[in-house]
Amino acid sequence: MQSFELQIGSMHCNGCALRLEQMLKRVSGVSAVKVSYQDGQARLIIDPDATSPEKLVALVTDAGFTAKTTLEGRRHDEHRT
C-alpha cells in the first residue's frame, strides 16, 4: 500500500470536500481517503497496482478542482513485526 497527500485548490466549502471524498472512495484501488476543506488537502492510501497518484490528480482536476501531489512514495509494510 502507498500513502500520499494531494494539495487541492478551488474547494469553497465542506460540501466540496465531502463530494471529493465520496468520489475518491469509489475509485478501485483506493483503500482510505480523508479530504479536509480547512487544510485544502486529501490524504489517501492506495494500492499502487490498481491506481496511481497521477490518475487521482486527473480525476480531481476533471471534477473542477486543482490538485497536485505533496507526498508520494511512502509505502506501508503489510508484514510488520
Protein backbone atom coordinates (compact mmCIF):
# COMPACT_ATOMS: atom_id res chain seq x y z
CA MET A 1 0.00 0.00 0.00
CA GLN A 2 1.12 3.54 -0.68
CA SER A 3 0.13 6.71 1.15
CA PHE A 4 0.34 10.24 -0.17
CA GLU A 5 -1.32 13.62 0.02
CA LEU A 6 -2.94 15.79 -2.61
CA GLN A 7 -2.94 19.55 -2.28
CA ILE A 8 -6.39 20.57 -3.54
CA GLY A 9 -7.46 24.03 -4.68
CA SER A 10 -10.81 25.53 -5.65
CA MET A 11 -12.72 23.96 -2.75
CA HIS A 12 -15.21 26.53 -1.49
CA CYS A 13 -16.88 24.67 1.37
CA ASN A 14 -17.09 21.43 3.34
CA GLY A 15 -19.57 20.20 0.73
CA CYS A 16 -16.80 20.29 -1.87
CA ALA A 17 -14.58 18.22 0.40
CA LEU A 18 -17.36 15.70 1.03
CA ARG A 19 -18.09 15.40 -2.70
CA LEU A 20 -14.41 14.76 -3.45
CA GLU A 21 -14.07 12.26 -0.63
CA GLN A 22 -17.09 10.28 -1.83
CA MET A 23 -15.80 10.33 -5.41
CA LEU A 24 -12.32 9.14 -4.43
CA LYS A 25 -13.68 6.37 -2.18
CA ARG A 26 -15.37 4.82 -5.22
CA VAL A 27 -12.10 4.53 -7.16
CA SER A 28 -10.78 0.99 -7.43
CA GLY A 29 -7.50 0.73 -5.54
CA VAL A 30 -8.26 3.49 -3.01
CA SER A 31 -8.39 1.88 0.43
CA ALA A 32 -8.66 5.05 2.55
CA VAL A 33 -9.25 8.75 1.91
CA LYS A 34 -9.84 11.81 4.06
CA VAL A 35 -10.41 15.21 2.42
CA SER A 36 -10.06 18.36 4.53
CA TYR A 37 -11.54 21.64 3.34
CA GLN A 38 -9.70 23.52 6.10
CA ASP A 39 -6.30 22.09 5.11
CA GLY A 40 -7.00 22.06 1.39
CA GLN A 41 -5.77 18.52 1.06
CA ALA A 42 -6.65 14.87 0.76
CA ARG A 43 -4.79 12.06 2.47
CA LEU A 44 -5.02 8.75 0.67
CA ILE A 45 -3.86 5.16 0.93
CA ILE A 46 -3.90 3.28 -2.36
CA ASP A 47 -2.91 0.00 -3.93
CA PRO A 48 -0.30 1.16 -6.47
CA ASP A 49 -1.05 -1.90 -8.62
CA ALA A 50 -4.65 -0.70 -9.08
CA THR A 51 -4.35 3.09 -9.32
CA SER A 52 -1.79 5.88 -9.10
CA PRO A 53 -1.44 9.39 -7.70
CA GLU A 54 -1.38 10.70 -11.26
CA LYS A 55 -4.72 9.07 -12.09
CA LEU A 56 -6.27 10.54 -8.94
CA VAL A 57 -4.91 14.00 -9.72
CA ALA A 58 -6.56 13.72 -13.16
CA LEU A 59 -9.90 12.69 -11.59
CA VAL A 60 -9.84 15.60 -9.13
CA THR A 61 -8.93 18.02 -11.93
CA ASP A 62 -11.73 16.64 -14.13
CA ALA A 63 -14.13 17.29 -11.23
CA GLY A 64 -13.28 21.00 -11.40
CA PHE A 65 -10.61 21.33 -8.71
CA THR A 66 -6.86 21.82 -8.85
CA ALA A 67 -4.64 19.10 -7.44
CA LYS A 68 -1.00 18.15 -7.06
CA THR A 69 0.78 15.52 -5.01
CA THR A 70 2.68 16.76 -1.97
CA LEU A 71 3.94 13.46 -0.54
CA GLU A 72 4.46 10.44 -2.70
CA GLY A 73 6.04 7.07 -2.36
CA ARG A 74 5.56 6.20 1.30
CA ARG A 75 4.75 2.51 1.46
CA HIS A 76 3.05 0.66 4.28
CA ASP A 77 4.71 -2.62 5.19
CA GLU A 78 1.93 -5.19 5.34
CA HIS A 79 4.12 -7.64 7.30
CA ARG A 80 5.10 -5.59 10.33
CA THR A 81 6.83 -7.36 13.16
